[in-house]
Amino acid sequence: MATDVCAAMQPPLEELSKIVTYVGSPEHKRSPSFAGHPRPRADASICPKELLEQQDRINGWLSFAVNKGSISEEFEGRFPKYVWHKDGDQVFEARLVNRELGTYKGFPLNPDEWPTGIEELYP
């Protein structure tokens, strides 16, 4: 079931976009990366290999998506629980892993998992 992209915004998103950080997760990797040694879960989608050492690029996506408002309505503390970024024909979901620091892990979504409204935010 897809989630809706949030139209209403809580804290100033520009401010949050400067704080959020992608830390990754070994649960979504099959090769070593900045997130550590791989420990893929059987039910977890796997990140593309070309992104394994692209933490700066992914941090840019995360900041851009937050600033753009591509976030869930659900917040944990002052951070959105979910953030989405569309790159070409792929949508990635970032999930909050630390509500105090604003750190996220992320992974690719299947098209049937894309949040409603994502294509309007990323035409």
PDB file of N, CA and C in Angstrom:
ATOM      1  N   MET A   1       0.841  -1.180   0.000  1.00  0.00           N
ATOM      2  CA  MET A   1       0.000   0.000   0.000  1.00  0.00           C
ATOM      3  C   MET A   1       0.882   1.237   0.000  1.00  0.00           C
ATOM      4  N   ALA A   2       0.675   2.120  -0.927  1.00  0.00           N
ATOM      5  CA  ALA A   2       1.488   3.328  -1.053  1.00  0.00           C
ATOM      6  C   ALA A   2       1.074   4.354  -0.006  1.00  0.00           C
ATOM      7  N   THR A   3       2.019   5.155   0.394  1.00  0.00           N
ATOM      8  CA  THR A   3       1.791   6.226   1.347  1.00  0.00           C
ATOM      9  C   THR A   3       1.728   7.535   0.585  1.00  0.00           C
ATOM     10  N   ASP A   4       0.991   8.497   1.098  1.00  0.00           N
ATOM     11  CA  ASP A   4       0.895   9.796   0.452  1.00  0.00           C
ATOM     12  C   ASP A   4       2.073  10.681   0.829  1.00  0.00           C
ATOM     13  N   VAL A   5       2.555  11.433  -0.149  1.00  0.00           N
ATOM     14  CA  VAL A   5       3.553  12.454   0.123  1.00  0.00           C
ATOM     15  C   VAL A   5       2.842  13.569   0.877  1.00  0.00           C
ATOM     16  N   CYS A   6       3.455  14.072   1.910  1.00  0.00           N
ATOM     17  CA  CYS A   6       2.840  15.083   2.773  1.00  0.00           C
ATOM     18  C   CYS A   6       2.825  16.451   2.114  1.00  0.00           C
ATOM     19  N   ALA A   7       1.682  17.094   2.152  1.00  0.00           N
ATOM     20  CA  ALA A   7       1.583  18.461   1.659  1.00  0.00           C
ATOM     21  C   ALA A   7       1.763  19.444   2.813  1.00  0.00           C
ATOM     22  N   ALA A   8       1.273  19.074   3.987  1.00  0.00           N
ATOM     23  CA  ALA A   8       1.408  19.943   5.165  1.00  0.00           C
ATOM     24  C   ALA A   8       2.793  19.743   5.761  1.00  0.00           C
ATOM     25  N   MET A   9       3.415  20.819   6.177  1.00  0.00           N
ATOM     26  CA  MET A   9       4.769  20.735   6.689  1.00  0.00           C
ATOM     27  C   MET A   9       4.827  21.220   8.130  1.00  0.00           C
ATOM     28  N   GLN A  10       5.556  20.504   8.980  1.00  0.00           N
ATOM     29  CA  GLN A  10       5.685  20.862  10.381  1.00  0.00           C
ATOM     30  C   GLN A  10       6.820  21.857  10.594  1.00  0.00           C
ATOM     31  N   PRO A  11       8.028  21.390  10.942  1.00  0.00           N
ATOM     32  CA  PRO A  11       9.131  22.341  11.104  1.00  0.00           C
ATOM     33  C   PRO A  11       9.548  22.901   9.749  1.00  0.00           C
ATOM     34  N   PRO A  12      10.275  23.997   9.746  1.00  0.00           N
ATOM     35  CA  PRO A  12      10.757  24.537   8.457  1.00  0.00           C
ATOM     36  C   PRO A  12      11.615  23.492   7.738  1.00  0.00           C
ATOM     37  N   LEU A  13      11.176  23.106   6.558  1.00  0.00           N
ATOM     38  CA  LEU A  13      11.865  22.038   5.845  1.00  0.00           C
ATOM     39  C   LEU A  13      13.264  22.437   5.400  1.00  0.00           C
ATOM     40  N   GLU A  14      13.443  23.707   5.085  1.00  0.00           N
ATOM     41  CA  GLU A  14      14.790  24.145   4.686  1.00  0.00           C
ATOM     42  C   GLU A  14      15.778  23.901   5.827  1.00  0.00           C
ATOM     43  N   GLU A  15      15.344  24.170   7.050  1.00  0.00           N
ATOM     44  CA  GLU A  15      16.203  23.941   8.221  1.00  0.00           C
ATOM     45  C   GLU A  15      16.490  22.449   8.398  1.00  0.00           C
ATOM     46  N   LEU A  16      15.450  21.626   8.297  1.00  0.00           N
ATOM     47  CA  LEU A  16      15.634  20.181   8.455  1.00  0.00           C
ATOM     48  C   LEU A  16      16.514  19.606   7.353  1.00  0.00           C
ATOM     49  N   SER A  17      16.403  20.148   6.146  1.00  0.00           N
ATOM     50  CA  SER A  17      17.182  19.617   5.026  1.00  0.00           C
ATOM     51  C   SER A  17      18.689  19.773   5.248  1.00  0.00           C
ATOM     52  N   LYS A  18      19.074  20.697   6.103  1.00  0.00           N
ATOM     53  CA  LYS A  18      20.495  20.911   6.401  1.00  0.00           C
ATOM     54  C   LYS A  18      20.995  20.001   7.516  1.00  0.00           C
ATOM     55  N   ILE A  19      20.063  19.327   8.201  1.00  0.00           N
ATOM     56  CA  ILE A  19      20.419  18.492   9.350  1.00  0.00           C
ATOM     57  C   ILE A  19      20.386  17.005   9.021  1.00  0.00           C
ATOM     58  N   VAL A  20      19.413  16.589   8.197  1.00  0.00           N
ATOM     59  CA  VAL A  20      19.233  15.158   7.927  1.00  0.00           C
ATOM     60  C   VAL A  20      20.487  14.553   7.299  1.00  0.00           C
ATOM     61  N   THR A  21      20.728  13.286   7.629  1.00  0.00           N
ATOM     62  CA  THR A  21      21.921  12.591   7.146  1.00  0.00           C
ATOM     63  C   THR A  21      21.584  11.149   6.800  1.00  0.00           C
ATOM     64  N   TYR A  22      22.135  10.696   5.697  1.00  0.00           N
ATOM     65  CA  TYR A  22      21.991   9.299   5.295  1.00  0.00           C
ATOM     66  C   TYR A  22      23.150   8.512   5.886  1.00  0.00           C
ATOM     67  N   VAL A  23      22.839   7.477   6.669  1.00  0.00           N
ATOM     68  CA  VAL A  23      23.881   6.628   7.250  1.00  0.00           C
ATOM     69  C   VAL A  23      23.880   5.232   6.651  1.00  0.00           C
ATOM     70  N   GLY A  24      22.821   4.895   5.932  1.00  0.00           N
ATOM     71  CA  GLY A  24      22.739   3.591   5.303  1.00  0.00           C
ATOM     72  C   GLY A  24      22.464   2.482   6.300  1.00  0.00           C
ATOM     73  N   SER A  25      22.393   1.279   5.772  1.00  0.00           N
ATOM     74  CA  SER A  25      22.149   0.099   6.600  1.00  0.00           C
ATOM     75  C   SER A  25      22.732  -1.115   5.908  1.00  0.00           C
ATOM     76  N   PRO A  26      23.490  -1.922   6.633  1.00  0.00           N
ATOM     77  CA  PRO A  26      24.021  -3.147   6.030  1.00  0.00           C
ATOM     78  C   PRO A  26      22.916  -4.142   5.673  1.00  0.00           C
ATOM     79  N   GLU A  27      21.694  -3.923   6.178  1.00  0.00           N
ATOM     80  CA  GLU A  27      20.567  -4.813   5.867  1.00  0.00           C
ATOM     81  C   GLU A  27      20.140  -4.715   4.406  1.00  0.00           C
ATOM     82  N   HIS A  28      20.555  -3.637   3.726  1.00  0.00           N
ATOM     83  CA  HIS A  28      20.176  -3.421   2.328  1.00  0.00           C
ATOM     84  C   HIS A  28      21.372  -3.497   1.387  1.00  0.00           C
ATOM     85  N   LYS A  29      22.448  -4.137   1.831  1.00  0.00           N
ATOM     86  CA  LYS A  29      23.680  -4.231   1.039  1.00  0.00           C
ATOM     87  C   LYS A  29      24.108  -5.683   0.872  1.00  0.00           C
ATOM     88  N   ARG A  30      24.719  -5.966  -0.280  1.00  0.00           N
ATOM     89  CA  ARG A  30      25.310  -7.280  -0.516  1.00  0.00           C
ATOM     90  C   ARG A  30      26.833  -7.200  -0.569  1.00  0.00           C
ATOM     91  N   SER A  31      27.357  -5.981  -0.504  1.00  0.00           N
ATOM     92  CA  SER A  31      28.800  -5.765  -0.539  1.00  0.00           C
ATOM     93  C   SER A  31      29.173  -4.784   0.556  1.00  0.00           C
ATOM     94  N   PRO A  32      30.426  -4.814   1.015  1.00  0.00           N
ATOM     95  CA  PRO A  32      30.849  -3.838   2.023  1.00  0.00           C
ATOM     96  C   PRO A  32      30.672  -2.408   1.508  1.00  0.00           C
ATOM     97  N   SER A  33      30.344  -1.511   2.413  1.00  0.00           N
ATOM     98  CA  SER A  33      30.146  -0.104   2.063  1.00  0.00           C
ATOM     99  C   SER A  33      30.430   0.750   3.290  1.00  0.00           C
ATOM    100  N   PHE A  34      30.210   2.046   3.162  1.00  0.00           N
ATOM    101  CA  PHE A  34      30.387   2.955   4.292  1.00  0.00           C
ATOM    102  C   PHE A  34      29.452   2.588   5.448  1.00  0.00           C
ATOM    103  N   ALA A  35      28.391   1.812   5.193  1.00  0.00           N
ATOM    104  CA  ALA A  35      27.444   1.399   6.234  1.00  0.00           C
ATOM    105  C   ALA A  35      27.936   0.161   6.992  1.00  0.00           C
ATOM    106  N   GLY A  36      29.054  -0.420   6.550  1.00  0.00           N
ATOM    107  CA  GLY A  36      29.608  -1.587   7.234  1.00  0.00           C
ATOM    108  C   GLY A  36      29.570  -2.837   6.379  1.00  0.00           C
ATOM    109  N   HIS A  37      29.822  -3.964   7.027  1.00  0.00           N
ATOM    110  CA  HIS A  37      29.791  -5.249   6.329  1.00  0.00           C
ATOM    111  C   HIS A  37      28.345  -5.632   6.058  1.00  0.00           C
ATOM    112  N   PRO A  38      28.076  -6.194   4.888  1.00  0.00           N
ATOM    113  CA  PRO A  38      26.693  -6.509   4.517  1.00  0.00           C
ATOM    114  C   PRO A  38      26.065  -7.558   5.428  1.00  0.00           C
ATOM    115  N   ARG A  39      24.803  -7.321   5.740  1.00  0.00           N
ATOM    116  CA  ARG A  39      23.977  -8.278   6.474  1.00  0.00           C
ATOM    117  C   ARG A  39      22.564  -8.213   5.889  1.00  0.00           C
ATOM    118  N   PRO A  40      22.415  -8.553   4.596  1.00  0.00           N
ATOM    119  CA  PRO A  40      21.105  -8.392   3.950  1.00  0.00           C
ATOM    120  C   PRO A  40      20.027  -9.259   4.596  1.00  0.00           C
ATOM    121  N   ARG A  41      18.889  -8.650   4.810  1.00  0.00           N
ATOM    122  CA  ARG A  41      17.712  -9.379   5.283  1.00  0.00           C
ATOM    123  C   ARG A  41      17.034 -10.010   4.072  1.00  0.00           C
ATOM    124  N   ALA A  42      16.410 -11.131   4.275  1.00  0.00           N
ATOM    125  CA  ALA A  42      15.733 -11.828   3.176  1.00  0.00           C
ATOM    126  C   ALA A  42      14.591 -11.008   2.607  1.00  0.00           C
ATOM    127  N   ASP A  43      13.941 -10.180   3.441  1.00  0.00           N
ATOM    128  CA  ASP A  43      12.788  -9.401   2.996  1.00  0.00           C
ATOM    129  C   ASP A  43      13.147  -7.958   2.629  1.00  0.00           C
ATOM    130  N   ALA A  44      14.432  -7.618   2.619  1.00  0.00           N
ATOM    131  CA  ALA A  44      14.856  -6.235   2.356  1.00  0.00           C
ATOM    132  C   ALA A  44      15.266  -6.053   0.900  1.00  0.00           C
ATOM    133  N   SER A  45      14.868  -4.914   0.323  1.00  0.00           N
ATOM    134  CA  SER A  45      15.349  -4.599  -1.020  1.00  0.00           C
ATOM    135  C   SER A  45      16.828  -4.227  -0.928  1.00  0.00           C
ATOM    136  N   ILE A  46      17.555  -4.503  -1.975  1.00  0.00           N
ATOM    137  CA  ILE A  46      19.005  -4.290  -1.982  1.00  0.00           C
ATOM    138  C   ILE A  46      19.334  -3.029  -2.775  1.00  0.00           C
ATOM    139  N   CYS A  47      20.200  -2.208  -2.207  1.00  0.00           N
ATOM    140  CA  CYS A  47      20.618  -0.978  -2.868  1.00  0.00           C
ATOM    141  C   CYS A  47      21.457  -1.313  -4.112  1.00  0.00           C
ATOM    142  N   PRO A  48      21.329  -0.497  -5.150  1.00  0.00           N
ATOM    143  CA  PRO A  48      22.152  -0.704  -6.341  1.00  0.00           C
ATOM    144  C   PRO A  48      23.641  -0.599  -6.009  1.00  0.00           C
ATOM    145  N   LYS A  49      24.445  -1.476  -6.602  1.00  0.00           N
ATOM    146  CA  LYS A  49      25.890  -1.503  -6.332  1.00  0.00           C
ATOM    147  C   LYS A  49      26.557  -0.160  -6.609  1.00  0.00           C
ATOM    148  N   GLU A  50      26.080   0.550  -7.637  1.00  0.00           N
ATOM    149  CA  GLU A  50      26.718   1.817  -7.990  1.00  0.00           C
ATOM    150  C   GLU A  50      26.557   2.881  -6.906  1.00  0.00           C
ATOM    151  N   LEU A  51      25.687   2.638  -5.928  1.00  0.00           N
ATOM    152  CA  LEU A  51      25.492   3.611  -4.845  1.00  0.00           C
ATOM    153  C   LEU A  51      26.223   3.236  -3.562  1.00  0.00           C
ATOM    154  N   LEU A  52      26.926   2.103  -3.547  1.00  0.00           N
ATOM    155  CA  LEU A  52      27.558   1.623  -2.323  1.00  0.00           C
ATOM    156  C   LEU A  52      28.536   2.622  -1.712  1.00  0.00           C
ATOM    157  N   GLU A  53      29.236   3.362  -2.526  1.00  0.00           N
ATOM    158  CA  GLU A  53      30.211   4.336  -2.016  1.00  0.00           C
ATOM    159  C   GLU A  53      29.809   5.765  -2.402  1.00  0.00           C
ATOM    160  N   GLN A  54      28.530   6.007  -2.479  1.00  0.00           N
ATOM    161  CA  GLN A  54      28.018   7.319  -2.905  1.00  0.00           C
ATOM    162  C   GLN A  54      27.277   8.036  -1.782  1.00  0.00           C
ATOM    163  N   GLN A  55      27.799   7.983  -0.565  1.00  0.00           N
ATOM    164  CA  GLN A  55      27.114   8.583   0.580  1.00  0.00           C
ATOM    165  C   GLN A  55      26.860  10.074   0.376  1.00  0.00           C
ATOM    166  N   ASP A  56      27.810  10.808  -0.171  1.00  0.00           N
ATOM    167  CA  ASP A  56      27.613  12.245  -0.402  1.00  0.00           C
ATOM    168  C   ASP A  56      26.470  12.490  -1.383  1.00  0.00           C
ATOM    169  N   ARG A  57      26.426  11.714  -2.434  1.00  0.00           N
ATOM    170  CA  ARG A  57      25.349  11.849  -3.428  1.00  0.00           C
ATOM    171  C   ARG A  57      23.985  11.574  -2.791  1.00  0.00           C
ATOM    172  N   ILE A  58      23.911  10.503  -2.001  1.00  0.00           N
ATOM    173  CA  ILE A  58      22.648  10.136  -1.360  1.00  0.00           C
ATOM    174  C   ILE A  58      22.261  11.173  -0.310  1.00  0.00           C
ATOM    175  N   ASN A  59      23.229  11.715   0.402  1.00  0.00           N
ATOM    176  CA  ASN A  59      22.933  12.807   1.342  1.00  0.00           C
ATOM    177  C   ASN A  59      22.340  14.000   0.606  1.00  0.00           C
ATOM    178  N   GLY A  60      22.845  14.276  -0.588  1.00  0.00           N
ATOM    179  CA  GLY A  60      22.290  15.357  -1.403  1.00  0.00           C
ATOM    180  C   GLY A  60      20.851  15.077  -1.787  1.00  0.00           C
ATOM    181  N   TRP A  61      20.567  13.840  -2.168  1.00  0.00           N
ATOM    182  CA  TRP A  61      19.188  13.452  -2.497  1.00  0.00           C
ATOM    183  C   TRP A  61      18.274  13.638  -1.289  1.00  0.00           C
ATOM    184  N   LEU A  62      18.748  13.197  -0.132  1.00  0.00           N
ATOM    185  CA  LEU A  62      17.939  13.287   1.089  1.00  0.00           C
ATOM    186  C   LEU A  62      17.628  14.740   1.425  1.00  0.00           C
ATOM    187  N   SER A  63      18.633  15.586   1.405  1.00  0.00           N
ATOM    188  CA  SER A  63      18.431  17.013   1.697  1.00  0.00           C
ATOM    189  C   SER A  63      17.486  17.652   0.686  1.00  0.00           C
ATOM    190  N   PHE A  64      17.684  17.351  -0.584  1.00  0.00           N
ATOM    191  CA  PHE A  64      16.841  17.894  -1.643  1.00  0.00           C
ATOM    192  C   PHE A  64      15.390  17.477  -1.439  1.00  0.00           C
ATOM    193  N   ALA A  65      15.164  16.184  -1.154  1.00  0.00           N
ATOM    194  CA  ALA A  65      13.807  15.663  -0.991  1.00  0.00           C
ATOM    195  C   ALA A  65      13.109  16.290   0.216  1.00  0.00           C
ATOM    196  N   VAL A  66      13.819  16.457   1.315  1.00  0.00           N
ATOM    197  CA  VAL A  66      13.222  17.087   2.499  1.00  0.00           C
ATOM    198  C   VAL A  66      12.860  18.526   2.174  1.00  0.00           C
ATOM    199  N   ASN A  67      13.769  19.263   1.577  1.00  0.00           N
ATOM    200  CA  ASN A  67      13.525  20.662   1.237  1.00  0.00           C
ATOM    201  C   ASN A  67      12.358  20.805   0.268  1.00  0.00           C
ATOM    202  N   LYS A  68      12.196  19.834  -0.622  1.00  0.00           N
ATOM    203  CA  LYS A  68      11.132  19.837  -1.622  1.00  0.00           C
ATOM    204  C   LYS A  68       9.777  19.469  -1.007  1.00  0.00           C
ATOM    205  N   GLY A  69       9.795  18.853   0.190  1.00  0.00           N
ATOM    206  CA  GLY A  69       8.558  18.427   0.835  1.00  0.00           C
ATOM    207  C   GLY A  69       8.136  17.024   0.456  1.00  0.00           C
ATOM    208  N   SER A  70       9.060  16.222  -0.039  1.00  0.00           N
ATOM    209  CA  SER A  70       8.765  14.839  -0.405  1.00  0.00           C
ATOM    210  C   SER A  70       8.912  13.970   0.845  1.00  0.00           C
ATOM    211  N   ILE A  71       8.002  14.197   1.776  1.00  0.00           N
ATOM    212  CA  ILE A  71       8.078  13.591   3.109  1.00  0.00           C
ATOM    213  C   ILE A  71       6.716  13.031   3.509  1.00  0.00           C
ATOM    214  N   SER A  72       6.737  12.169   4.519  1.00  0.00           N
ATOM    215  CA  SER A  72       5.494  11.603   5.039  1.00  0.00           C
ATOM    216  C   SER A  72       4.831  12.582   5.997  1.00  0.00           C
ATOM    217  N   GLU A  73       3.566  12.365   6.236  1.00  0.00           N
ATOM    218  CA  GLU A  73       2.848  13.161   7.227  1.00  0.00           C
ATOM    219  C   GLU A  73       3.279  12.771   8.631  1.00  0.00           C
ATOM    220  N   GLU A  74       3.744  11.556   8.790  1.00  0.00           N
ATOM    221  CA  GLU A  74       4.148  11.053  10.102  1.00  0.00           C
ATOM    222  C   GLU A  74       5.555  11.542  10.449  1.00  0.00           C
ATOM    223  N   PHE A  75       5.673  12.126  11.639  1.00  0.00           N
ATOM    224  CA  PHE A  75       6.954  12.597  12.152  1.00  0.00           C
ATOM    225  C   PHE A  75       7.305  11.808  13.406  1.00  0.00           C
ATOM    226  N   GLU A  76       8.585  11.675  13.654  1.00  0.00           N
ATOM    227  CA  GLU A  76       9.088  11.146  14.916  1.00  0.00           C
ATOM    228  C   GLU A  76       9.995  12.230  15.474  1.00  0.00           C
ATOM    229  N   GLY A  77       9.571  12.840  16.553  1.00  0.00           N
ATOM    230  CA  GLY A  77      10.277  14.022  17.023  1.00  0.00           C
ATOM    231  C   GLY A  77      10.064  15.120  15.999  1.00  0.00           C
ATOM    232  N   ARG A  78      11.120  15.765  15.579  1.00  0.00           N
ATOM    233  CA  ARG A  78      10.968  16.840  14.597  1.00  0.00           C
ATOM    234  C   ARG A  78      11.286  16.431  13.164  1.00  0.00           C
ATOM    235  N   PHE A  79      11.543  15.127  12.958  1.00  0.00           N
ATOM    236  CA  PHE A  79      11.921  14.642  11.634  1.00  0.00           C
ATOM    237  C   PHE A  79      10.817  13.791  11.007  1.00  0.00           C
ATOM    238  N   PRO A  80      10.647  13.894   9.678  1.00  0.00           N
ATOM    239  CA  PRO A  80       9.673  13.015   9.017  1.00  0.00           C
ATOM    240  C   PRO A  80      10.141  11.559   9.097  1.00  0.00           C
ATOM    241  N   LYS A  81       9.197  10.670   9.320  1.00  0.00           N
ATOM    242  CA  LYS A  81       9.539   9.248   9.419  1.00  0.00           C
ATOM    243  C   LYS A  81      10.026   8.709   8.080  1.00  0.00           C
ATOM    244  N   TYR A  82       9.431   9.200   6.980  1.00  0.00           N
ATOM    245  CA  TYR A  82       9.800   8.748   5.634  1.00  0.00           C
ATOM    246  C   TYR A  82      10.097   9.945   4.743  1.00  0.00           C
ATOM    247  N   VAL A  83      11.050   9.746   3.850  1.00  0.00           N
ATOM    248  CA  VAL A  83      11.402  10.738   2.828  1.00  0.00           C
ATOM    249  C   VAL A  83      11.576   9.960   1.530  1.00  0.00           C
ATOM    250  N   TRP A  84      11.120  10.559   0.410  1.00  0.00           N
ATOM    251  CA  TRP A  84      11.246   9.883  -0.879  1.00  0.00           C
ATOM    252  C   TRP A  84      11.983  10.761  -1.877  1.00  0.00           C
ATOM    253  N   HIS A  85      12.805  10.102  -2.699  1.00  0.00           N
ATOM    254  CA  HIS A  85      13.510  10.799  -3.781  1.00  0.00           C
ATOM    255  C   HIS A  85      13.353   9.962  -5.049  1.00  0.00           C
ATOM    256  N   LYS A  86      13.095  10.661  -6.149  1.00  0.00           N
ATOM    257  CA  LYS A  86      12.981   9.986  -7.449  1.00  0.00           C
ATOM    258  C   LYS A  86      14.187  10.379  -8.295  1.00  0.00           C
ATOM    259  N   ASP A  87      14.896   9.377  -8.766  1.00  0.00           N
ATOM    260  CA  ASP A  87      16.050   9.573  -9.633  1.00  0.00           C
ATOM    261  C   ASP A  87      15.790   8.783 -10.903  1.00  0.00           C
ATOM    262  N   GLY A  88      15.488   9.488 -11.994  1.00  0.00           N
ATOM    263  CA  GLY A  88      15.118   8.801 -13.229  1.00  0.00           C
ATOM    264  C   GLY A  88      13.822   8.053 -13.036  1.00  0.00           C
ATOM    265  N   ASP A  89      13.855   6.750 -13.289  1.00  0.00           N
ATOM    266  CA  ASP A  89      12.644   5.947 -13.116  1.00  0.00           C
ATOM    267  C   ASP A  89      12.675   5.106 -11.844  1.00  0.00           C
ATOM    268  N   GLN A  90      13.506   5.508 -10.872  1.00  0.00           N
ATOM    269  CA  GLN A  90      13.610   4.786  -9.606  1.00  0.00           C
ATOM    270  C   GLN A  90      13.267   5.719  -8.442  1.00  0.00           C
ATOM    271  N   VAL A  91      12.432   5.228  -7.531  1.00  0.00           N
ATOM    272  CA  VAL A  91      12.114   5.968  -6.307  1.00  0.00           C
ATOM    273  C   VAL A  91      12.796   5.259  -5.144  1.00  0.00           C
ATOM    274  N   PHE A  92      13.429   6.055  -4.303  1.00  0.00           N
ATOM    275  CA  PHE A  92      14.088   5.552  -3.101  1.00  0.00           C
ATOM    276  C   PHE A  92      13.332   6.068  -1.880  1.00  0.00           C
ATOM    277  N   GLU A  93      13.208   5.219  -0.888  1.00  0.00           N
ATOM    278  CA  GLU A  93      12.599   5.619   0.370  1.00  0.00           C
ATOM    279  C   GLU A  93      13.673   5.673   1.433  1.00  0.00           C
ATOM    280  N   ALA A  94      13.687   6.756   2.196  1.00  0.00           N
ATOM    281  CA  ALA A  94      14.563   6.876   3.354  1.00  0.00           C
ATOM    282  C   ALA A  94      13.688   6.753   4.594  1.00  0.00           C
ATOM    283  N   ARG A  95      14.141   5.951   5.538  1.00  0.00           N
ATOM    284  CA  ARG A  95      13.420   5.773   6.798  1.00  0.00           C
ATOM    285  C   ARG A  95      14.282   6.283   7.934  1.00  0.00           C
ATOM    286  N   LEU A  96      13.645   7.037   8.806  1.00  0.00           N
ATOM    287  CA  LEU A  96      14.332   7.595   9.967  1.00  0.00           C
ATOM    288  C   LEU A  96      14.802   6.466  10.882  1.00  0.00           C
ATOM    289  N   VAL A  97      16.077   6.487  11.243  1.00  0.00           N
ATOM    290  CA  VAL A  97      16.610   5.465  12.151  1.00  0.00           C
ATOM    291  C   VAL A  97      17.027   6.055  13.499  1.00  0.00           C
ATOM    292  N   ASN A  98      17.189   7.378  13.550  1.00  0.00           N
ATOM    293  CA  ASN A  98      17.513   8.028  14.819  1.00  0.00           C
ATOM    294  C   ASN A  98      16.773   9.357  14.884  1.00  0.00           C
ATOM    295  N   ARG A  99      15.735   9.414  15.698  1.00  0.00           N
ATOM    296  CA  ARG A  99      14.873  10.595  15.779  1.00  0.00           C
ATOM    297  C   ARG A  99      15.537  11.778  16.465  1.00  0.00           C
ATOM    298  N   GLU A 100      16.602  11.550  17.201  1.00  0.00           N
ATOM    299  CA  GLU A 100      17.329  12.650  17.850  1.00  0.00           C
ATOM    300  C   GLU A 100      18.301  13.321  16.879  1.00  0.00           C
ATOM    301  N   LEU A 101      18.969  12.508  16.067  1.00  0.00           N
ATOM    302  CA  LEU A 101      20.004  13.015  15.159  1.00  0.00           C
ATOM    303  C   LEU A 101      19.500  13.281  13.747  1.00  0.00           C
ATOM    304  N   GLY A 102      18.355  12.709  13.384  1.00  0.00           N
ATOM    305  CA  GLY A 102      17.843  12.879  12.026  1.00  0.00           C
ATOM    306  C   GLY A 102      18.613  12.060  11.007  1.00  0.00           C
ATOM    307  N   THR A 103      18.986  10.830  11.381  1.00  0.00           N
ATOM    308  CA  THR A 103      19.703   9.959  10.451  1.00  0.00           C
ATOM    309  C   THR A 103      18.739   8.948   9.827  1.00  0.00           C
ATOM    310  N   TYR A 104      19.039   8.597   8.576  1.00  0.00           N
ATOM    311  CA  TYR A 104      18.163   7.755   7.779  1.00  0.00           C
ATOM    312  C   TYR A 104      18.922   6.623   7.118  1.00  0.00           C
ATOM    313  N   LYS A 105      18.208   5.523   6.881  1.00  0.00           N
ATOM    314  CA  LYS A 105      18.667   4.482   5.968  1.00  0.00           C
ATOM    315  C   LYS A 105      17.765   4.590   4.744  1.00  0.00           C
ATOM    316  N   GLY A 106      18.116   3.951   3.655  1.00  0.00           N
ATOM    317  CA  GLY A 106      17.294   4.067   2.460  1.00  0.00           C
ATOM    318  C   GLY A 106      17.417   2.854   1.568  1.00  0.00           C
ATOM    319  N   PHE A 107      16.466   2.745   0.648  1.00  0.00           N
ATOM    320  CA  PHE A 107      16.433   1.600  -0.248  1.00  0.00           C
ATOM    321  C   PHE A 107      15.494   1.905  -1.410  1.00  0.00           C
ATOM    322  N   PRO A 108      15.649   1.182  -2.529  1.00  0.00           N
ATOM    323  CA  PRO A 108      14.774   1.393  -3.686  1.00  0.00           C
ATOM    324  C   PRO A 108      13.397   0.775  -3.443  1.00  0.00           C
ATOM    325  N   LEU A 109      12.384   1.385  -4.064  1.00  0.00           N
ATOM    326  CA  LEU A 109      11.012   0.871  -3.987  1.00  0.00           C
ATOM    327  C   LEU A 109      10.583   0.312  -5.327  1.00  0.00           C
ATOM    328  N   ASN A 110       9.715  -0.668  -5.294  1.00  0.00           N
ATOM    329  CA  ASN A 110       9.042  -1.141  -6.497  1.00  0.00           C
ATOM    330  C   ASN A 110       7.983  -0.110  -6.866  1.00  0.00           C
ATOM    331  N   PRO A 111       7.641   0.027  -8.148  1.00  0.00           N
ATOM    332  CA  PRO A 111       6.647   1.039  -8.548  1.00  0.00           C
ATOM    333  C   PRO A 111       5.325   0.958  -7.788  1.00  0.00           C
ATOM    334  N   ASP A 112       4.877  -0.235  -7.403  1.00  0.00           N
ATOM    335  CA  ASP A 112       3.620  -0.344  -6.656  1.00  0.00           C
ATOM    336  C   ASP A 112       3.747   0.136  -5.212  1.00  0.00           C
ATOM    337  N   GLU A 113       4.969   0.443  -4.768  1.00  0.00           N
ATOM    338  CA  GLU A 113       5.214   0.955  -3.417  1.00  0.00           C
ATOM    339  C   GLU A 113       5.428   2.471  -3.398  1.00  0.00           C
ATOM    340  N   TRP A 114       5.474   3.086  -4.581  1.00  0.00           N
ATOM    341  CA  TRP A 114       5.737   4.527  -4.636  1.00  0.00           C
ATOM    342  C   TRP A 114       4.640   5.296  -3.906  1.00  0.00           C
ATOM    343  N   PRO A 115       5.005   6.355  -3.193  1.00  0.00           N
ATOM    344  CA  PRO A 115       3.981   7.152  -2.518  1.00  0.00           C
ATOM    345  C   PRO A 115       3.146   7.937  -3.520  1.00  0.00           C
ATOM    346  N   THR A 116       1.884   8.108  -3.194  1.00  0.00           N
ATOM    347  CA  THR A 116       0.993   8.905  -4.031  1.00  0.00           C
ATOM    348  C   THR A 116       1.519  10.331  -4.105  1.00  0.00           C
ATOM    349  N   GLY A 117       1.596  10.873  -5.305  1.00  0.00           N
ATOM    350  CA  GLY A 117       2.028  12.260  -5.489  1.00  0.00           C
ATOM    351  C   GLY A 117       3.492  12.432  -5.824  1.00  0.00           C
ATOM    352  N   ILE A 118       4.279  11.365  -5.788  1.00  0.00           N
ATOM    353  CA  ILE A 118       5.717  11.488  -6.024  1.00  0.00           C
ATOM    354  C   ILE A 118       6.010  11.959  -7.443  1.00  0.00           C
ATOM    355  N   GLU A 119       5.222  11.516  -8.412  1.00  0.00           N
ATOM    356  CA  GLU A 119       5.499  11.898  -9.804  1.00  0.00           C
ATOM    357  C   GLU A 119       5.177  13.371 -10.067  1.00  0.00           C
ATOM    358  N   GLU A 120       4.293  13.952  -9.284  1.00  0.00           N
ATOM    359  CA  GLU A 120       4.014  15.394  -9.424  1.00  0.00           C
ATOM    360  C   GLU A 120       5.163  16.215  -8.833  1.00  0.00           C
ATOM    361  N   LEU A 121       5.806  15.703  -7.779  1.00  0.00           N
ATOM    362  CA  LEU A 121       6.940  16.412  -7.184  1.00  0.00           C
ATOM    363  C   LEU A 121       8.212  16.294  -8.024  1.00  0.00           C
ATOM    364  N   TYR A 122       8.299  15.205  -8.774  1.00  0.00           N
ATOM    365  CA  TYR A 122       9.466  14.936  -9.622  1.00  0.00           C
ATOM    366  C   TYR A 122       8.973  14.692 -11.053  1.00  0.00           C
ATOM    367  N   PRO A 123       8.550  15.739 -11.755  1.00  0.00           N
ATOM    368  CA  PRO A 123       8.010  15.540 -13.110  1.00  0.00           C
ATOM    369  C   PRO A 123       9.070  15.084 -14.114  1.00  0.00           C
TER     370      PRO A 123
END
